[in-house]
Amino acid sequence: MKIAIGCDHAGPELKAEVLQYLDEKGIEYVDLGVQKGEKCDYPDKAKEVCEKVTSGECDCAVLFCGTGIGMSMAANKVKGIRAACCSDYFSAKFTRAHNDANVLCIGARVVGAGLACELIQVFLDTPFEGGRHQRRVDKIHDIENN
């Protein structure tokens, strides 16, 4: 599994702590920035990171901004992306299990590093259940392609 990671100017500190966690776990990632002190508009970073997922270069992505909401809104405009802003374990687990989300958005001003790492881990570990949930994901695709 390979993860695309990115943030706007609100997220470099949390992103750095998450990258350390991913290194410790041996999880492969591509860090698309930004670094501390750099400015970035979240729609630009969301598009760049999500294109790594839609191209197949990465399996999924994690995006950070102040609340996670802006990144989620922008990411969901990229065809093929199902992004969810999560700040609790249950949501991070079931957005994978039931919605087949491929992008996790986290608010750097909302959650701390420990919780962020826990959310990412459950997101990565939870498979899509398919079955009755596939019909709903297919309807999302239909909306997107209409």
C-alpha atoms as a PDB file:
ATOM      1  CA  MET A   1       0.000   0.000   0.000  1.00  0.00           C
ATOM      2  CA  LYS A   2       1.218   3.465  -0.908  1.00  0.00           C
ATOM      3  CA  ILE A   3      -0.334   6.637   0.502  1.00  0.00           C
ATOM      4  CA  ALA A   4      -0.253  10.165  -0.918  1.00  0.00           C
ATOM      5  CA  ILE A   5       0.045  12.758   1.859  1.00  0.00           C
ATOM      6  CA  GLY A   6      -0.436  16.499   1.656  1.00  0.00           C
ATOM      7  CA  CYS A   7      -1.457  19.559   3.612  1.00  0.00           C
ATOM      8  CA  ASP A   8      -1.979  23.262   3.390  1.00  0.00           C
ATOM      9  CA  HIS A   9      -0.130  25.730   5.631  1.00  0.00           C
ATOM     10  CA  ALA A  10      -2.192  24.671   8.683  1.00  0.00           C
ATOM     11  CA  GLY A  11      -0.948  21.084   8.643  1.00  0.00           C
ATOM     12  CA  PRO A  12       2.848  20.703   8.388  1.00  0.00           C
ATOM     13  CA  GLU A  13       3.430  20.014  12.091  1.00  0.00           C
ATOM     14  CA  LEU A  14       0.777  17.295  12.272  1.00  0.00           C
ATOM     15  CA  LYS A  15       1.868  15.892   8.904  1.00  0.00           C
ATOM     16  CA  ALA A  16       5.446  15.591  10.186  1.00  0.00           C
ATOM     17  CA  GLU A  17       4.296  13.593  13.203  1.00  0.00           C
ATOM     18  CA  VAL A  18       2.150  11.354  11.012  1.00  0.00           C
ATOM     19  CA  LEU A  19       5.057  10.740   8.617  1.00  0.00           C
ATOM     20  CA  GLN A  20       7.201   9.668  11.566  1.00  0.00           C
ATOM     21  CA  TYR A  21       4.465   7.213  12.572  1.00  0.00           C
ATOM     22  CA  LEU A  22       4.215   5.849   9.013  1.00  0.00           C
ATOM     23  CA  ASP A  23       8.000   5.427   8.917  1.00  0.00           C
ATOM     24  CA  GLU A  24       7.904   3.486  12.205  1.00  0.00           C
ATOM     25  CA  LYS A  25       5.157   1.237  10.797  1.00  0.00           C
ATOM     26  CA  GLY A  26       6.951   0.740   7.479  1.00  0.00           C
ATOM     27  CA  ILE A  27       4.043   2.187   5.497  1.00  0.00           C
ATOM     28  CA  GLU A  28       5.064   3.600   2.119  1.00  0.00           C
ATOM     29  CA  TYR A  29       3.992   7.138   1.281  1.00  0.00           C
ATOM     30  CA  VAL A  30       4.625  10.085  -1.016  1.00  0.00           C
ATOM     31  CA  ASP A  31       4.907  13.419   0.804  1.00  0.00           C
ATOM     32  CA  LEU A  32       3.562  16.142  -1.470  1.00  0.00           C
ATOM     33  CA  GLY A  33       4.092  18.931   1.055  1.00  0.00           C
ATOM     34  CA  VAL A  34       3.777  21.603   2.162  1.00  0.00           C
ATOM     35  CA  GLN A  35       6.555  22.180   4.644  1.00  0.00           C
ATOM     36  CA  LYS A  36       6.475  24.479   7.657  1.00  0.00           C
ATOM     37  CA  GLY A  37       6.507  28.120   6.620  1.00  0.00           C
ATOM     38  CA  GLU A  38       5.191  27.509   3.110  1.00  0.00           C
ATOM     39  CA  LYS A  39       1.786  28.830   2.087  1.00  0.00           C
ATOM     40  CA  CYS A  40      -0.657  26.787   0.055  1.00  0.00           C
ATOM     41  CA  ASP A  41      -4.313  26.977  -0.864  1.00  0.00           C
ATOM     42  CA  TYR A  42      -6.051  23.750   0.116  1.00  0.00           C
ATOM     43  CA  PRO A  43      -7.872  23.244  -3.231  1.00  0.00           C
ATOM     44  CA  ASP A  44      -4.535  23.163  -5.065  1.00  0.00           C
ATOM     45  CA  LYS A  45      -3.028  20.610  -2.692  1.00  0.00           C
ATOM     46  CA  ALA A  46      -6.185  18.474  -2.637  1.00  0.00           C
ATOM     47  CA  LYS A  47      -6.145  18.251  -6.433  1.00  0.00           C
ATOM     48  CA  GLU A  48      -2.439  17.391  -6.580  1.00  0.00           C
ATOM     49  CA  VAL A  49      -2.708  14.676  -3.930  1.00  0.00           C
ATOM     50  CA  CYS A  50      -5.950  13.185  -5.258  1.00  0.00           C
ATOM     51  CA  GLU A  51      -4.497  12.888  -8.747  1.00  0.00           C
ATOM     52  CA  LYS A  52      -1.928  10.460  -7.293  1.00  0.00           C
ATOM     53  CA  VAL A  53      -4.869   8.261  -6.241  1.00  0.00           C
ATOM     54  CA  THR A  54      -6.890   8.542  -9.444  1.00  0.00           C
ATOM     55  CA  SER A  55      -3.793   7.825 -11.565  1.00  0.00           C
ATOM     56  CA  GLY A  56      -3.169   4.621  -9.598  1.00  0.00           C
ATOM     57  CA  GLU A  57       0.232   5.778  -8.370  1.00  0.00           C
ATOM     58  CA  CYS A  58      -1.101   5.675  -4.794  1.00  0.00           C
ATOM     59  CA  ASP A  59      -3.799   3.517  -3.241  1.00  0.00           C
ATOM     60  CA  CYS A  60      -5.276   6.211  -1.029  1.00  0.00           C
ATOM     61  CA  ALA A  61      -4.495   9.607   0.449  1.00  0.00           C
ATOM     62  CA  VAL A  62      -4.469  11.609   3.650  1.00  0.00           C
ATOM     63  CA  LEU A  63      -4.981  15.373   3.586  1.00  0.00           C
ATOM     64  CA  PHE A  64      -4.601  17.907   6.396  1.00  0.00           C
ATOM     65  CA  CYS A  65      -5.914  21.444   6.693  1.00  0.00           C
ATOM     66  CA  GLY A  66      -7.151  23.459   9.660  1.00  0.00           C
ATOM     67  CA  THR A  67     -10.486  21.674  10.015  1.00  0.00           C
ATOM     68  CA  GLY A  68     -10.194  18.956   7.354  1.00  0.00           C
ATOM     69  CA  ILE A  69     -13.423  20.248   5.838  1.00  0.00           C
ATOM     70  CA  GLY A  70     -11.918  22.415   3.100  1.00  0.00           C
ATOM     71  CA  MET A  71      -9.668  19.584   1.927  1.00  0.00           C
ATOM     72  CA  SER A  72     -12.629  17.215   1.943  1.00  0.00           C
ATOM     73  CA  MET A  73     -14.781  19.570  -0.101  1.00  0.00           C
ATOM     74  CA  ALA A  74     -12.028  20.151  -2.672  1.00  0.00           C
ATOM     75  CA  ALA A  75     -10.993  16.485  -2.831  1.00  0.00           C
ATOM     76  CA  ASN A  76     -14.544  15.376  -3.546  1.00  0.00           C
ATOM     77  CA  LYS A  77     -14.550  17.520  -6.690  1.00  0.00           C
ATOM     78  CA  VAL A  78     -11.879  15.238  -8.212  1.00  0.00           C
ATOM     79  CA  LYS A  79     -13.542  12.518 -10.254  1.00  0.00           C
ATOM     80  CA  GLY A  80     -13.051   9.118  -8.637  1.00  0.00           C
ATOM     81  CA  ILE A  81     -12.387  10.462  -5.154  1.00  0.00           C
ATOM     82  CA  ARG A  82     -14.505   9.639  -2.133  1.00  0.00           C
ATOM     83  CA  ALA A  83     -13.055  11.786   0.646  1.00  0.00           C
ATOM     84  CA  ALA A  84     -14.231  11.896   4.239  1.00  0.00           C
ATOM     85  CA  CYS A  85     -13.332  14.342   6.981  1.00  0.00           C
ATOM     86  CA  CYS A  86     -13.016  12.320  10.176  1.00  0.00           C
ATOM     87  CA  SER A  87     -12.126  13.166  13.740  1.00  0.00           C
ATOM     88  CA  ASP A  88     -13.297   9.976  15.452  1.00  0.00           C
ATOM     89  CA  TYR A  89     -12.470   6.281  15.186  1.00  0.00           C
ATOM     90  CA  PHE A  90     -15.989   5.118  14.241  1.00  0.00           C
ATOM     91  CA  SER A  91     -16.254   7.494  11.271  1.00  0.00           C
ATOM     92  CA  ALA A  92     -12.773   6.662   9.991  1.00  0.00           C
ATOM     93  CA  LYS A  93     -13.539   2.933  10.163  1.00  0.00           C
ATOM     94  CA  PHE A  94     -16.963   3.004   8.593  1.00  0.00           C
ATOM     95  CA  THR A  95     -16.174   5.465   5.835  1.00  0.00           C
ATOM     96  CA  ARG A  96     -13.888   2.715   4.537  1.00  0.00           C
ATOM     97  CA  ALA A  97     -16.170  -0.208   5.364  1.00  0.00           C
ATOM     98  CA  HIS A  98     -19.386   1.276   3.986  1.00  0.00           C
ATOM     99  CA  ASN A  99     -18.390   4.124   1.636  1.00  0.00           C
ATOM    100  CA  ASP A 100     -15.119   2.768   0.184  1.00  0.00           C
ATOM    101  CA  ALA A 101     -13.533   6.161   0.895  1.00  0.00           C
ATOM    102  CA  ASN A 102     -10.116   6.551  -0.670  1.00  0.00           C
ATOM    103  CA  VAL A 103      -9.111   9.854   0.951  1.00  0.00           C
ATOM    104  CA  LEU A 104      -9.062  10.659   4.656  1.00  0.00           C
ATOM    105  CA  CYS A 105      -9.130  14.347   5.611  1.00  0.00           C
ATOM    106  CA  ILE A 106      -8.080  15.428   9.079  1.00  0.00           C
ATOM    107  CA  GLY A 107      -8.252  18.798  10.792  1.00  0.00           C
ATOM    108  CA  ALA A 108      -4.828  19.734  12.101  1.00  0.00           C
ATOM    109  CA  ARG A 109      -6.469  22.217  14.473  1.00  0.00           C
ATOM    110  CA  VAL A 110      -9.070  19.652  15.551  1.00  0.00           C
ATOM    111  CA  VAL A 111      -7.163  16.460  16.428  1.00  0.00           C
ATOM    112  CA  GLY A 112      -3.774  15.762  17.931  1.00  0.00           C
ATOM    113  CA  ALA A 113      -1.053  13.517  16.568  1.00  0.00           C
ATOM    114  CA  GLY A 114      -2.014  10.433  18.576  1.00  0.00           C
ATOM    115  CA  LEU A 115      -5.599  10.466  17.374  1.00  0.00           C
ATOM    116  CA  ALA A 116      -4.568  11.339  13.816  1.00  0.00           C
ATOM    117  CA  CYS A 117      -2.312   8.279  13.684  1.00  0.00           C
ATOM    118  CA  GLU A 118      -5.082   6.099  15.115  1.00  0.00           C
ATOM    119  CA  LEU A 119      -7.540   7.391  12.504  1.00  0.00           C
ATOM    120  CA  ILE A 120      -5.091   6.750   9.688  1.00  0.00           C
ATOM    121  CA  GLN A 121      -4.324   3.247  10.941  1.00  0.00           C
ATOM    122  CA  VAL A 122      -7.976   2.204  11.156  1.00  0.00           C
ATOM    123  CA  PHE A 123      -8.620   3.796   7.748  1.00  0.00           C
ATOM    124  CA  LEU A 124      -5.776   1.737   6.243  1.00  0.00           C
ATOM    125  CA  ASP A 125      -6.701  -1.482   8.055  1.00  0.00           C
ATOM    126  CA  THR A 126     -10.422  -1.489   7.254  1.00  0.00           C
ATOM    127  CA  PRO A 127     -11.484  -3.114   3.986  1.00  0.00           C
ATOM    128  CA  PHE A 128     -14.557  -2.115   2.020  1.00  0.00           C
ATOM    129  CA  GLU A 129     -17.360  -4.553   2.882  1.00  0.00           C
ATOM    130  CA  GLY A 130     -18.980  -4.422  -0.555  1.00  0.00           C
ATOM    131  CA  GLY A 131     -22.287  -6.271  -0.664  1.00  0.00           C
ATOM    132  CA  ARG A 132     -25.226  -3.982   0.039  1.00  0.00           C
ATOM    133  CA  HIS A 133     -22.818  -1.045   0.314  1.00  0.00           C
ATOM    134  CA  GLN A 134     -21.585  -1.491  -3.256  1.00  0.00           C
ATOM    135  CA  ARG A 135     -24.978  -0.433  -4.603  1.00  0.00           C
ATOM    136  CA  ARG A 136     -24.662   2.883  -2.774  1.00  0.00           C
ATOM    137  CA  VAL A 137     -21.102   3.493  -3.928  1.00  0.00           C
ATOM    138  CA  ASP A 138     -22.289   2.754  -7.471  1.00  0.00           C
ATOM    139  CA  LYS A 139     -24.929   5.464  -7.032  1.00  0.00           C
ATOM    140  CA  ILE A 140     -22.204   7.903  -6.040  1.00  0.00           C
ATOM    141  CA  HIS A 141     -20.393   6.990  -9.279  1.00  0.00           C
ATOM    142  CA  ASP A 142     -23.621   7.569 -11.211  1.00  0.00           C
ATOM    143  CA  ILE A 143     -23.985  11.059  -9.734  1.00  0.00           C
ATOM    144  CA  GLU A 144     -20.364  11.810 -10.527  1.00  0.00           C
ATOM    145  CA  ASN A 145     -20.716  10.653 -14.143  1.00  0.00           C
ATOM    146  CA  ASN A 146     -24.002  12.430 -14.838  1.00  0.00           C
END
